[in-house]
């Protein structure tokens, strides 16, 4: 084989020494606030564009779609009694849970006192 033979390249090169440093940059997981802010802006822009495209491809005319949206908004605003009912229900559930926790605490305290009394008698 001659020196020009590409198959003989390995034999003509000197052996490589082991690398001292890794090649490339280290991977760091650092959150960049600027990138996070841009992501949020991108999401908002995407939602706006998506809503616009949805309006363009809606099966109704623009006026009919706007009327439908107005009716829905009025209905949601007018249903404040639903939110008040939900608030009352959540308060009631929270009150019941607090009472349940208090009863469990008292029961545990009585049990602890009973065990201490039994341990004192023995």
PDB file of N, CA and C in Angstrom:
ATOM      1  N   UNK A   1       0.826  -1.187   0.000  1.00  0.00           N
ATOM      2  CA  UNK A   1       0.000   0.000   0.000  1.00  0.00           C
ATOM      3  C   UNK A   1       0.865   1.243   0.000  1.00  0.00           C
ATOM      4  N   UNK A   2       0.350   2.252  -0.639  1.00  0.00           N
ATOM      5  CA  UNK A   2       1.116   3.495  -0.750  1.00  0.00           C
ATOM      6  C   UNK A   2       0.603   4.497   0.253  1.00  0.00           C
ATOM      7  N   UNK A   3       1.330   5.583   0.380  1.00  0.00           N
ATOM      8  CA  UNK A   3       0.934   6.638   1.321  1.00  0.00           C
ATOM      9  C   UNK A   3      -0.297   7.376   0.840  1.00  0.00           C
ATOM     10  N   UNK A   4      -0.597   7.322  -0.430  1.00  0.00           N
ATOM     11  CA  UNK A   4      -1.752   8.019  -0.981  1.00  0.00           C
ATOM     12  C   UNK A   4      -3.038   7.219  -0.808  1.00  0.00           C
ATOM     13  N   UNK A   5      -2.933   6.010  -0.366  1.00  0.00           N
ATOM     14  CA  UNK A   5      -4.106   5.144  -0.230  1.00  0.00           C
ATOM     15  C   UNK A   5      -4.962   5.630   0.946  1.00  0.00           C
ATOM     16  N   UNK A   6      -6.241   6.003   0.713  1.00  0.00           N
ATOM     17  CA  UNK A   6      -7.074   6.494   1.813  1.00  0.00           C
ATOM     18  C   UNK A   6      -7.365   5.426   2.854  1.00  0.00           C
ATOM     19  N   UNK A   7      -7.240   4.172   2.520  1.00  0.00           N
ATOM     20  CA  UNK A   7      -7.511   3.098   3.474  1.00  0.00           C
ATOM     21  C   UNK A   7      -6.400   2.991   4.507  1.00  0.00           C
ATOM     22  N   UNK A   8      -5.256   3.589   4.213  1.00  0.00           N
ATOM     23  CA  UNK A   8      -4.091   3.442   5.064  1.00  0.00           C
ATOM     24  C   UNK A   8      -3.896   4.670   5.964  1.00  0.00           C
ATOM     25  N   UNK A   9      -4.912   5.537   6.128  1.00  0.00           N
ATOM     26  CA  UNK A   9      -4.771   6.764   6.917  1.00  0.00           C
ATOM     27  C   UNK A   9      -4.495   6.482   8.385  1.00  0.00           C
ATOM     28  N   UNK A  10      -5.131   5.471   8.955  1.00  0.00           N
ATOM     29  CA  UNK A  10      -4.979   5.194  10.373  1.00  0.00           C
ATOM     30  C   UNK A  10      -3.555   4.807  10.727  1.00  0.00           C
ATOM     31  N   UNK A  11      -2.904   4.141   9.831  1.00  0.00           N
ATOM     32  CA  UNK A  11      -1.551   3.676  10.107  1.00  0.00           C
ATOM     33  C   UNK A  11      -0.545   4.809  10.058  1.00  0.00           C
ATOM     34  N   UNK A  12      -0.812   5.869   9.308  1.00  0.00           N
ATOM     35  CA  UNK A  12       0.167   6.943   9.146  1.00  0.00           C
ATOM     36  C   UNK A  12       0.036   8.025  10.197  1.00  0.00           C
ATOM     37  N   UNK A  13      -1.098   8.104  10.890  1.00  0.00           N
ATOM     38  CA  UNK A  13      -1.288   9.162  11.880  1.00  0.00           C
ATOM     39  C   UNK A  13      -0.804   8.692  13.237  1.00  0.00           C
ATOM     40  N   UNK A  14      -0.262   9.616  14.020  1.00  0.00           N
ATOM     41  CA  UNK A  14       0.196   9.228  15.360  1.00  0.00           C
ATOM     42  C   UNK A  14      -1.006   8.934  16.261  1.00  0.00           C
ATOM     43  N   UNK A  15      -0.813   8.134  17.284  1.00  0.00           N
ATOM     44  CA  UNK A  15      -1.945   7.828  18.186  1.00  0.00           C
ATOM     45  C   UNK A  15      -2.404   9.097  18.906  1.00  0.00           C
ATOM     46  N   UNK A  16      -3.700   9.177  19.126  1.00  0.00           N
ATOM     47  CA  UNK A  16      -4.272  10.351  19.789  1.00  0.00           C
ATOM     48  C   UNK A  16      -4.119  10.238  21.298  1.00  0.00           C
ATOM     49  N   UNK A  17      -3.837  11.374  21.896  1.00  0.00           N
ATOM     50  CA  UNK A  17      -3.773  11.388  23.360  1.00  0.00           C
ATOM     51  C   UNK A  17      -5.182  11.623  23.899  1.00  0.00           C
ATOM     52  N   UNK A  18      -5.454  11.153  25.106  1.00  0.00           N
ATOM     53  CA  UNK A  18      -6.803  11.361  25.652  1.00  0.00           C
ATOM     54  C   UNK A  18      -7.086  12.853  25.846  1.00  0.00           C
ATOM     55  N   UNK A  19      -8.317  13.221  25.640  1.00  0.00           N
ATOM     56  CA  UNK A  19      -8.698  14.631  25.782  1.00  0.00           C
ATOM     57  C   UNK A  19      -8.723  15.019  27.244  1.00  0.00           C
ATOM     58  N   UNK A  20      -8.309  16.226  27.488  1.00  0.00           N
ATOM     59  CA  UNK A  20      -8.271  16.717  28.853  1.00  0.00           C
ATOM     60  C   UNK A  20      -9.566  17.415  29.241  1.00  0.00           C
ATOM     61  N   UNK A  21     -10.201  18.059  28.279  1.00  0.00           N
ATOM     62  CA  UNK A  21     -11.449  18.788  28.538  1.00  0.00           C
ATOM     63  C   UNK A  21     -12.542  18.221  27.652  1.00  0.00           C
ATOM     64  N   UNK A  22     -13.762  18.189  28.150  1.00  0.00           N
ATOM     65  CA  UNK A  22     -14.856  17.765  27.279  1.00  0.00           C
ATOM     66  C   UNK A  22     -15.096  18.809  26.191  1.00  0.00           C
ATOM     67  N   UNK A  23     -15.559  18.326  25.074  1.00  0.00           N
ATOM     68  CA  UNK A  23     -15.828  19.210  23.948  1.00  0.00           C
ATOM     69  C   UNK A  23     -17.256  19.730  24.071  1.00  0.00           C
ATOM     70  N   UNK A  24     -17.469  20.974  23.751  1.00  0.00           N
ATOM     71  CA  UNK A  24     -18.814  21.546  23.780  1.00  0.00           C
ATOM     72  C   UNK A  24     -19.036  22.354  25.041  1.00  0.00           C
ATOM     73  N   UNK A  25     -20.210  22.903  25.142  1.00  0.00           N
ATOM     74  CA  UNK A  25     -20.533  23.715  26.309  1.00  0.00           C
ATOM     75  C   UNK A  25     -21.357  22.896  27.292  1.00  0.00           C
ATOM     76  N   UNK A  26     -21.205  23.175  28.583  1.00  0.00           N
ATOM     77  CA  UNK A  26     -21.981  22.416  29.567  1.00  0.00           C
ATOM     78  C   UNK A  26     -23.457  22.780  29.483  1.00  0.00           C
ATOM     79  N   UNK A  27     -24.290  21.810  29.820  1.00  0.00           N
ATOM     80  CA  UNK A  27     -25.729  22.031  29.804  1.00  0.00           C
ATOM     81  C   UNK A  27     -26.137  22.556  31.161  1.00  0.00           C
ATOM     82  N   UNK A  28     -26.722  23.715  31.169  1.00  0.00           N
ATOM     83  CA  UNK A  28     -27.205  24.303  32.420  1.00  0.00           C
ATOM     84  C   UNK A  28     -28.672  24.612  32.263  1.00  0.00           C
ATOM     85  N   UNK A  29     -29.398  24.313  33.304  1.00  0.00           N
ATOM     86  CA  UNK A  29     -30.831  24.568  33.287  1.00  0.00           C
ATOM     87  C   UNK A  29     -31.097  25.842  34.070  1.00  0.00           C
ATOM     88  N   UNK A  30     -30.903  26.956  33.424  1.00  0.00           N
ATOM     89  CA  UNK A  30     -31.113  28.254  34.040  1.00  0.00           C
ATOM     90  C   UNK A  30     -32.294  28.910  33.338  1.00  0.00           C
ATOM     91  N   UNK A  31     -33.276  29.295  34.122  1.00  0.00           N
ATOM     92  CA  UNK A  31     -34.450  29.939  33.542  1.00  0.00           C
ATOM     93  C   UNK A  31     -34.136  31.407  33.314  1.00  0.00           C
ATOM     94  N   UNK A  32     -34.317  31.823  32.115  1.00  0.00           N
ATOM     95  CA  UNK A  32     -34.092  33.211  31.755  1.00  0.00           C
ATOM     96  C   UNK A  32     -35.425  33.945  31.831  1.00  0.00           C
ATOM     97  N   UNK A  33     -35.555  34.940  32.718  1.00  0.00           N
ATOM     98  CA  UNK A  33     -36.842  35.635  32.841  1.00  0.00           C
ATOM     99  C   UNK A  33     -37.290  36.275  31.531  1.00  0.00           C
ATOM    100  N   UNK A  34     -36.355  36.715  30.741  1.00  0.00           N
ATOM    101  CA  UNK A  34     -36.698  37.323  29.453  1.00  0.00           C
ATOM    102  C   UNK A  34     -37.357  36.284  28.542  1.00  0.00           C
ATOM    103  N   UNK A  35     -36.820  35.069  28.527  1.00  0.00           N
ATOM    104  CA  UNK A  35     -37.392  34.009  27.693  1.00  0.00           C
ATOM    105  C   UNK A  35     -38.785  33.617  28.188  1.00  0.00           C
ATOM    106  N   UNK A  36     -38.945  33.546  29.511  1.00  0.00           N
ATOM    107  CA  UNK A  36     -40.250  33.195  30.068  1.00  0.00           C
ATOM    108  C   UNK A  36     -41.279  34.264  29.717  1.00  0.00           C
ATOM    109  N   UNK A  37     -40.881  35.520  29.776  1.00  0.00           N
ATOM    110  CA  UNK A  37     -41.791  36.614  29.413  1.00  0.00           C
ATOM    111  C   UNK A  37     -42.172  36.554  27.942  1.00  0.00           C
ATOM    112  N   UNK A  38     -41.199  36.238  27.110  1.00  0.00           N
ATOM    113  CA  UNK A  38     -41.482  36.121  25.681  1.00  0.00           C
ATOM    114  C   UNK A  38     -42.423  34.955  25.401  1.00  0.00           C
ATOM    115  N   UNK A  39     -42.269  33.885  26.165  1.00  0.00           N
ATOM    116  CA  UNK A  39     -43.180  32.754  26.002  1.00  0.00           C
ATOM    117  C   UNK A  39     -44.610  33.174  26.322  1.00  0.00           C
ATOM    118  N   UNK A  40     -44.783  33.909  27.410  1.00  0.00           N
ATOM    119  CA  UNK A  40     -46.115  34.387  27.777  1.00  0.00           C
ATOM    120  C   UNK A  40     -46.707  35.295  26.713  1.00  0.00           C
ATOM    121  N   UNK A  41     -45.904  36.183  26.197  1.00  0.00           N
ATOM    122  CA  UNK A  41     -46.373  37.082  25.137  1.00  0.00           C
ATOM    123  C   UNK A  41     -46.748  36.269  23.901  1.00  0.00           C
ATOM    124  N   UNK A  42     -45.938  35.270  23.589  1.00  0.00           N
ATOM    125  CA  UNK A  42     -46.228  34.414  22.437  1.00  0.00           C
ATOM    126  C   UNK A  42     -47.532  33.663  22.597  1.00  0.00           C
ATOM    127  N   UNK A  43     -47.791  33.176  23.810  1.00  0.00           N
ATOM    128  CA  UNK A  43     -49.053  32.470  24.057  1.00  0.00           C
ATOM    129  C   UNK A  43     -50.230  33.413  23.880  1.00  0.00           C
ATOM    130  N   UNK A  44     -50.127  34.606  24.415  1.00  0.00           N
ATOM    131  CA  UNK A  44     -51.223  35.580  24.299  1.00  0.00           C
ATOM    132  C   UNK A  44     -51.467  35.943  22.828  1.00  0.00           C
ATOM    133  N   UNK A  45     -50.396  36.158  22.092  1.00  0.00           N
ATOM    134  CA  UNK A  45     -50.546  36.476  20.668  1.00  0.00           C
ATOM    135  C   UNK A  45     -51.171  35.294  19.932  1.00  0.00           C
ATOM    136  N   UNK A  46     -50.744  34.080  20.274  1.00  0.00           N
ATOM    137  CA  UNK A  46     -51.310  32.887  19.640  1.00  0.00           C
ATOM    138  C   UNK A  46     -52.794  32.738  19.916  1.00  0.00           C
ATOM    139  N   UNK A  47     -53.211  33.030  21.140  1.00  0.00           N
ATOM    140  CA  UNK A  47     -54.638  32.963  21.476  1.00  0.00           C
ATOM    141  C   UNK A  47     -55.419  33.998  20.674  1.00  0.00           C
ATOM    142  N   UNK A  48     -54.875  35.202  20.580  1.00  0.00           N
ATOM    143  CA  UNK A  48     -55.563  36.259  19.832  1.00  0.00           C
ATOM    144  C   UNK A  48     -55.684  35.885  18.351  1.00  0.00           C
ATOM    145  N   UNK A  49     -54.612  35.369  17.783  1.00  0.00           N
ATOM    146  CA  UNK A  49     -54.656  34.979  16.370  1.00  0.00           C
ATOM    147  C   UNK A  49     -55.631  33.820  16.181  1.00  0.00           C
ATOM    148  N   UNK A  50     -55.596  32.859  17.107  1.00  0.00           N
ATOM    149  CA  UNK A  50     -56.526  31.732  17.018  1.00  0.00           C
ATOM    150  C   UNK A  50     -57.978  32.172  17.097  1.00  0.00           C
ATOM    151  N   UNK A  51     -58.264  33.125  17.969  1.00  0.00           N
ATOM    152  CA  UNK A  51     -59.631  33.632  18.066  1.00  0.00           C
ATOM    153  C   UNK A  51     -60.036  34.343  16.780  1.00  0.00           C
ATOM    154  N   UNK A  52     -59.119  35.095  16.213  1.00  0.00           N
ATOM    155  CA  UNK A  52     -59.419  35.782  14.950  1.00  0.00           C
ATOM    156  C   UNK A  52     -59.677  34.812  13.816  1.00  0.00           C
ATOM    157  N   UNK A  53     -58.869  33.770  13.725  1.00  0.00           N
ATOM    158  CA  UNK A  53     -59.068  32.760  12.675  1.00  0.00           C
ATOM    159  C   UNK A  53     -60.389  32.032  12.889  1.00  0.00           C
ATOM    160  N   UNK A  54     -60.706  31.753  14.150  1.00  0.00           N
ATOM    161  CA  UNK A  54     -61.983  31.090  14.436  1.00  0.00           C
ATOM    162  C   UNK A  54     -63.160  31.961  14.004  1.00  0.00           C
ATOM    163  N   UNK A  55     -63.036  33.263  14.217  1.00  0.00           N
ATOM    164  CA  UNK A  55     -64.100  34.169  13.784  1.00  0.00           C
ATOM    165  C   UNK A  55     -64.230  34.189  12.258  1.00  0.00           C
ATOM    166  N   UNK A  56     -63.094  34.127  11.583  1.00  0.00           N
ATOM    167  CA  UNK A  56     -63.135  34.148  10.120  1.00  0.00           C
ATOM    168  C   UNK A  56     -63.786  32.897   9.537  1.00  0.00           C
ATOM    169  N   UNK A  57     -63.568  31.763  10.175  1.00  0.00           N
ATOM    170  CA  UNK A  57     -64.091  30.508   9.659  1.00  0.00           C
ATOM    171  C   UNK A  57     -65.376  30.077  10.360  1.00  0.00           C
ATOM    172  N   UNK A  58     -65.988  30.974  11.090  1.00  0.00           N
ATOM    173  CA  UNK A  58     -67.235  30.656  11.792  1.00  0.00           C
ATOM    174  C   UNK A  58     -68.352  30.397  10.775  1.00  0.00           C
ATOM    175  N   UNK A  59     -69.279  29.500  11.106  1.00  0.00           N
ATOM    176  CA  UNK A  59     -70.345  29.179  10.160  1.00  0.00           C
ATOM    177  C   UNK A  59     -71.423  30.258  10.060  1.00  0.00           C
ATOM    178  N   UNK A  60     -71.335  31.293  10.899  1.00  0.00           N
ATOM    179  CA  UNK A  60     -72.334  32.358  10.879  1.00  0.00           C
ATOM    180  C   UNK A  60     -71.691  33.635  10.349  1.00  0.00           C
ATOM    181  N   UNK A  61     -72.533  34.610  10.094  1.00  0.00           N
ATOM    182  CA  UNK A  61     -72.010  35.908   9.680  1.00  0.00           C
ATOM    183  C   UNK A  61     -71.385  36.594  10.895  1.00  0.00           C
ATOM    184  N   UNK A  62     -70.624  37.626  10.639  1.00  0.00           N
ATOM    185  CA  UNK A  62     -69.977  38.352  11.727  1.00  0.00           C
ATOM    186  C   UNK A  62     -70.979  38.951  12.689  1.00  0.00           C
ATOM    187  N   UNK A  63     -72.035  39.517  12.168  1.00  0.00           N
ATOM    188  CA  UNK A  63     -73.060  40.136  13.025  1.00  0.00           C
ATOM    189  C   UNK A  63     -73.733  39.096  13.909  1.00  0.00           C
ATOM    190  N   UNK A  64     -74.079  37.949  13.323  1.00  0.00           N
ATOM    191  CA  UNK A  64     -74.726  36.880  14.111  1.00  0.00           C
ATOM    192  C   UNK A  64     -73.780  36.365  15.190  1.00  0.00           C
ATOM    193  N   UNK A  65     -72.503  36.239  14.872  1.00  0.00           N
ATOM    194  CA  UNK A  65     -71.532  35.765  15.859  1.00  0.00           C
ATOM    195  C   UNK A  65     -71.373  36.779  16.984  1.00  0.00           C
ATOM    196  N   UNK A  66     -71.303  38.057  16.654  1.00  0.00           N
ATOM    197  CA  UNK A  66     -71.193  39.092  17.689  1.00  0.00           C
ATOM    198  C   UNK A  66     -72.430  39.106  18.569  1.00  0.00           C
ATOM    199  N   UNK A  67     -73.611  38.946  17.980  1.00  0.00           N
ATOM    200  CA  UNK A  67     -74.842  38.881  18.773  1.00  0.00           C
ATOM    201  C   UNK A  67     -74.815  37.689  19.724  1.00  0.00           C
ATOM    202  N   UNK A  68     -74.361  36.545  19.216  1.00  0.00           N
ATOM    203  CA  UNK A  68     -74.295  35.355  20.048  1.00  0.00           C
ATOM    204  C   UNK A  68     -73.321  35.580  21.214  1.00  0.00           C
ATOM    205  N   UNK A  69     -72.175  36.195  20.947  1.00  0.00           N
ATOM    206  CA  UNK A  69     -71.202  36.470  22.005  1.00  0.00           C
ATOM    207  C   UNK A  69     -71.767  37.445  23.032  1.00  0.00           C
ATOM    208  N   UNK A  70     -72.481  38.473  22.562  1.00  0.00           N
ATOM    209  CA  UNK A  70     -73.102  39.422  23.492  1.00  0.00           C
ATOM    210  C   UNK A  70     -74.099  38.723  24.397  1.00  0.00           C
ATOM    211  N   UNK A  71     -74.922  37.844  23.824  1.00  0.00           N
ATOM    212  CA  UNK A  71     -75.908  37.117  24.644  1.00  0.00           C
ATOM    213  C   UNK A  71     -75.223  36.252  25.689  1.00  0.00           C
ATOM    214  N   UNK A  72     -74.179  35.578  25.290  1.00  0.00           N
ATOM    215  CA  UNK A  72     -73.465  34.717  26.243  1.00  0.00           C
ATOM    216  C   UNK A  72     -72.833  35.533  27.362  1.00  0.00           C
ATOM    217  N   UNK A  73     -72.255  36.686  27.007  1.00  0.00           N
ATOM    218  CA  UNK A  73     -71.633  37.539  28.027  1.00  0.00           C
ATOM    219  C   UNK A  73     -72.692  38.049  28.991  1.00  0.00           C
ATOM    220  N   UNK A  74     -73.837  38.473  28.464  1.00  0.00           N
ATOM    221  CA  UNK A  74     -74.927  38.952  29.343  1.00  0.00           C
ATOM    222  C   UNK A  74     -75.402  37.834  30.257  1.00  0.00           C
ATOM    223  N   UNK A  75     -75.498  36.614  29.712  1.00  0.00           N
ATOM    224  CA  UNK A  75     -75.965  35.485  30.505  1.00  0.00           C
ATOM    225  C   UNK A  75     -74.982  35.187  31.638  1.00  0.00           C
ATOM    226  N   UNK A  76     -73.687  35.228  31.335  1.00  0.00           N
ATOM    227  CA  UNK A  76     -72.681  34.956  32.362  1.00  0.00           C
ATOM    228  C   UNK A  76     -72.696  36.062  33.413  1.00  0.00           C
ATOM    229  N   UNK A  77     -72.796  37.312  32.969  1.00  0.00           N
ATOM    230  CA  UNK A  77     -72.850  38.416  33.925  1.00  0.00           C
ATOM    231  C   UNK A  77     -74.131  38.376  34.747  1.00  0.00           C
ATOM    232  N   UNK A  78     -75.211  37.968  34.117  1.00  0.00           N
ATOM    233  CA  UNK A  78     -76.491  37.934  34.817  1.00  0.00           C
ATOM    234  C   UNK A  78     -76.617  36.777  35.787  1.00  0.00           C
ATOM    235  N   UNK A  79     -75.776  35.768  35.661  1.00  0.00           N
ATOM    236  CA  UNK A  79     -75.868  34.601  36.536  1.00  0.00           C
ATOM    237  C   UNK A  79     -75.007  34.763  37.779  1.00  0.00           C
ATOM    238  N   UNK A  80     -75.063  35.932  38.394  1.00  0.00           N
ATOM    239  CA  UNK A  80     -74.274  36.139  39.603  1.00  0.00           C
ATOM    240  C   UNK A  80     -74.808  35.290  40.740  1.00  0.00           C
ATOM    241  N   UNK A  81     -76.097  34.948  40.701  1.00  0.00           N
ATOM    242  CA  UNK A  81     -76.648  34.115  41.773  1.00  0.00           C
ATOM    243  C   UNK A  81     -75.990  32.744  41.783  1.00  0.00           C
ATOM    244  N   UNK A  82     -75.538  32.261  40.637  1.00  0.00           N
ATOM    245  CA  UNK A  82     -74.852  30.971  40.579  1.00  0.00           C
ATOM    246  C   UNK A  82     -73.544  31.060  41.347  1.00  0.00           C
ATOM    247  N   UNK A  83     -72.814  32.164  41.155  1.00  0.00           N
ATOM    248  CA  UNK A  83     -71.545  32.323  41.841  1.00  0.00           C
ATOM    249  C   UNK A  83     -71.762  32.523  43.335  1.00  0.00           C
ATOM    250  N   UNK A  84     -72.824  33.236  43.690  1.00  0.00           N
ATOM    251  CA  UNK A  84     -73.125  33.417  45.117  1.00  0.00           C
ATOM    252  C   UNK A  84     -73.463  32.082  45.762  1.00  0.00           C
ATOM    253  N   UNK A  85     -74.249  31.263  45.045  1.00  0.00           N
ATOM    254  CA  UNK A  85     -74.584  29.932  45.569  1.00  0.00           C
ATOM    255  C   UNK A  85     -73.328  29.086  45.745  1.00  0.00           C
ATOM    256  N   UNK A  86     -72.448  29.171  44.775  1.00  0.00           N
ATOM    257  CA  UNK A  86     -71.201  28.417  44.861  1.00  0.00           C
ATOM    258  C   UNK A  86     -70.384  28.889  46.056  1.00  0.00           C
ATOM    259  N   UNK A  87     -70.316  30.202  46.261  1.00  0.00           N
ATOM    260  CA  UNK A  87     -69.585  30.745  47.401  1.00  0.00           C
ATOM    261  C   UNK A  87     -70.155  30.266  48.722  1.00  0.00           C
ATOM    262  N   UNK A  88     -71.484  30.273  48.832  1.00  0.00           N
ATOM    263  CA  UNK A  88     -72.119  29.799  50.063  1.00  0.00           C
ATOM    264  C   UNK A  88     -71.832  28.312  50.293  1.00  0.00           C
ATOM    265  N   UNK A  89     -71.899  27.540  49.239  1.00  0.00           N
ATOM    266  CA  UNK A  89     -71.635  26.104  49.349  1.00  0.00           C
ATOM    267  C   UNK A  89     -70.195  25.843  49.784  1.00  0.00           C
ATOM    268  N   UNK A  90     -69.262  26.600  49.225  1.00  0.00           N
ATOM    269  CA  UNK A  90     -67.859  26.434  49.617  1.00  0.00           C
ATOM    270  C   UNK A  90     -67.636  26.832  51.075  1.00  0.00           C
ATOM    271  N   UNK A  91     -68.287  27.914  51.517  1.00  0.00           N
ATOM    272  CA  UNK A  91     -68.175  28.312  52.921  1.00  0.00           C
ATOM    273  C   UNK A  91     -68.745  27.240  53.834  1.00  0.00           C
ATOM    274  N   UNK A  92     -69.893  26.678  53.442  1.00  0.00           N
ATOM    275  CA  UNK A  92     -70.522  25.635  54.248  1.00  0.00           C
ATOM    276  C   UNK A  92     -69.625  24.398  54.326  1.00  0.00           C
ATOM    277  N   UNK A  93     -69.042  24.009  53.193  1.00  0.00           N
ATOM    278  CA  UNK A  93     -68.157  22.845  53.163  1.00  0.00           C
ATOM    279  C   UNK A  93     -66.917  23.092  54.024  1.00  0.00           C
ATOM    280  N   UNK A  94     -66.379  24.304  53.959  1.00  0.00           N
ATOM    281  CA  UNK A  94     -65.215  24.642  54.772  1.00  0.00           C
ATOM    282  C   UNK A  94     -65.541  24.606  56.248  1.00  0.00           C
ATOM    283  N   UNK A  95     -66.712  25.112  56.613  1.00  0.00           N
ATOM    284  CA  UNK A  95     -67.143  25.104  58.012  1.00  0.00           C
ATOM    285  C   UNK A  95     -67.294  23.664  58.517  1.00  0.00           C
ATOM    286  N   UNK A  96     -67.914  22.822  57.710  1.00  0.00           N
ATOM    287  CA  UNK A  96     -68.072  21.420  58.110  1.00  0.00           C
ATOM    288  C   UNK A  96     -66.709  20.737  58.267  1.00  0.00           C
ATOM    289  N   UNK A  97     -65.787  21.027  57.379  1.00  0.00           N
ATOM    290  CA  UNK A  97     -64.457  20.417  57.450  1.00  0.00           C
ATOM    291  C   UNK A  97     -63.724  20.895  58.696  1.00  0.00           C
ATOM    292  N   UNK A  98     -63.844  22.194  59.030  1.00  0.00           N
ATOM    293  CA  UNK A  98     -63.201  22.702  60.242  1.00  0.00           C
ATOM    294  C   UNK A  98     -63.768  22.028  61.484  1.00  0.00           C
ATOM    295  N   UNK A  99     -65.101  21.837  61.531  1.00  0.00           N
ATOM    296  CA  UNK A  99     -65.718  21.156  62.669  1.00  0.00           C
ATOM    297  C   UNK A  99     -65.229  19.705  62.761  1.00  0.00           C
ATOM    298  N   UNK A 100     -65.118  19.054  61.619  1.00  0.00           N
ATOM    299  CA  UNK A 100     -64.640  17.671  61.586  1.00  0.00           C
ATOM    300  C   UNK A 100     -63.207  17.580  62.109  1.00  0.00           C
ATOM    301  N   UNK A 101     -62.373  18.519  61.733  1.00  0.00           N
ATOM    302  CA  UNK A 101     -60.978  18.531  62.194  1.00  0.00           C
ATOM    303  C   UNK A 101     -60.926  18.781  63.693  1.00  0.00           C
ATOM    304  N   UNK A 102     -61.745  19.709  64.168  1.00  0.00           N
ATOM    305  CA  UNK A 102     -61.776  20.019  65.598  1.00  0.00           C
ATOM    306  C   UNK A 102     -62.223  18.799  66.414  1.00  0.00           C
ATOM    307  N   UNK A 103     -63.238  18.079  65.937  1.00  0.00           N
ATOM    308  CA  UNK A 103     -63.682  16.870  66.635  1.00  0.00           C
ATOM    309  C   UNK A 103     -62.587  15.807  66.651  1.00  0.00           C
ATOM    310  N   UNK A 104     -61.878  15.663  65.555  1.00  0.00           N
ATOM    311  CA  UNK A 104     -60.790  14.683  65.499  1.00  0.00           C
ATOM    312  C   UNK A 104     -59.673  15.075  66.462  1.00  0.00           C
ATOM    313  N   UNK A 105     -59.381  16.380  66.583  1.00  0.00           N
ATOM    314  CA  UNK A 105     -58.368  16.842  67.543  1.00  0.00           C
ATOM    315  C   UNK A 105     -58.781  16.523  68.977  1.00  0.00           C
ATOM    316  N   UNK A 106     -60.027  16.816  69.296  1.00  0.00           N
ATOM    317  CA  UNK A 106     -60.518  16.552  70.653  1.00  0.00           C
ATOM    318  C   UNK A 106     -60.477  15.063  70.961  1.00  0.00           C
ATOM    319  N   UNK A 107     -60.858  14.249  69.989  1.00  0.00           N
ATOM    320  CA  UNK A 107     -60.842  12.806  70.169  1.00  0.00           C
ATOM    321  C   UNK A 107     -59.417  12.315  70.411  1.00  0.00           C
ATOM    322  N   UNK A 108     -58.462  12.829  69.642  1.00  0.00           N
ATOM    323  CA  UNK A 108     -57.065  12.437  69.807  1.00  0.00           C
ATOM    324  C   UNK A 108     -56.537  12.885  71.164  1.00  0.00           C
ATOM    325  N   UNK A 109     -56.929  14.083  71.600  1.00  0.00           N
ATOM    326  CA  UNK A 109     -56.487  14.587  72.896  1.00  0.00           C
ATOM    327  C   UNK A 109     -57.046  13.730  74.030  1.00  0.00           C
ATOM    328  N   UNK A 110     -58.327  13.363  73.938  1.00  0.00           N
ATOM    329  CA  UNK A 110     -58.925  12.494  74.958  1.00  0.00           C
ATOM    330  C   UNK A 110     -58.235  11.129  74.987  1.00  0.00           C
ATOM    331  N   UNK A 111     -57.930  10.594  73.832  1.00  0.00           N
ATOM    332  CA  UNK A 111     -57.243   9.307  73.750  1.00  0.00           C
ATOM    333  C   UNK A 111     -55.850   9.410  74.369  1.00  0.00           C
ATOM    334  N   UNK A 112     -55.144  10.508  74.098  1.00  0.00           N
ATOM    335  CA  UNK A 112     -53.815  10.720  74.672  1.00  0.00           C
ATOM    336  C   UNK A 112     -53.896  10.804  76.196  1.00  0.00           C
ATOM    337  N   UNK A 113     -54.896  11.548  76.699  1.00  0.00           N
ATOM    338  CA  UNK A 113     -55.079  11.671  78.150  1.00  0.00           C
ATOM    339  C   UNK A 113     -55.406  10.319  78.777  1.00  0.00           C
ATOM    340  N   UNK A 114     -56.222   9.524  78.085  1.00  0.00           N
ATOM    341  CA  UNK A 114     -56.580   8.197  78.599  1.00  0.00           C
ATOM    342  C   UNK A 114     -55.335   7.308  78.684  1.00  0.00           C
ATOM    343  N   UNK A 115     -54.497   7.347  77.651  1.00  0.00           N
ATOM    344  CA  UNK A 115     -53.269   6.537  77.655  1.00  0.00           C
ATOM    345  C   UNK A 115     -52.315   6.989  78.754  1.00  0.00           C
ATOM    346  N   UNK A 116     -52.208   8.308  78.928  1.00  0.00           N
ATOM    347  CA  UNK A 116     -51.333   8.831  79.991  1.00  0.00           C
ATOM    348  C   UNK A 116     -51.850   8.404  81.361  1.00  0.00           C
ATOM    349  N   UNK A 117     -53.193   8.425  81.537  1.00  0.00           N
ATOM    350  CA  UNK A 117     -53.772   8.016  82.826  1.00  0.00           C
ATOM    351  C   UNK A 117     -53.510   6.531  83.066  1.00  0.00           C
ATOM    352  N   UNK A 118     -53.647   5.696  82.029  1.00  0.00           N
ATOM    353  CA  UNK A 118     -53.400   4.260  82.157  1.00  0.00           C
ATOM    354  C   UNK A 118     -51.919   4.000  82.455  1.00  0.00           C
ATOM    355  N   UNK A 119     -51.057   4.747  81.806  1.00  0.00           N
ATOM    356  CA  UNK A 119     -49.619   4.570  82.017  1.00  0.00           C
ATOM    357  C   UNK A 119     -49.242   4.981  83.444  1.00  0.00           C
ATOM    358  N   UNK A 120     -49.917   5.967  84.003  1.00  0.00           N
ATOM    359  CA  UNK A 120     -49.653   6.417  85.371  1.00  0.00           C
ATOM    360  C   UNK A 120     -50.132   5.409  86.404  1.00  0.00           C
ATOM    361  N   UNK A 121     -51.157   4.646  86.125  1.00  0.00           N
ATOM    362  CA  UNK A 121     -51.708   3.662  87.058  1.00  0.00           C
ATOM    363  C   UNK A 121     -50.850   2.406  87.100  1.00  0.00           C
ATOM    364  N   UNK A 122     -50.203   2.065  86.012  1.00  0.00           N
ATOM    365  CA  UNK A 122     -49.455   0.810  85.931  1.00  0.00           C
ATOM    366  C   UNK A 122     -48.162   0.891  86.645  1.00  0.00           C
TER     367      UNK A 122
END
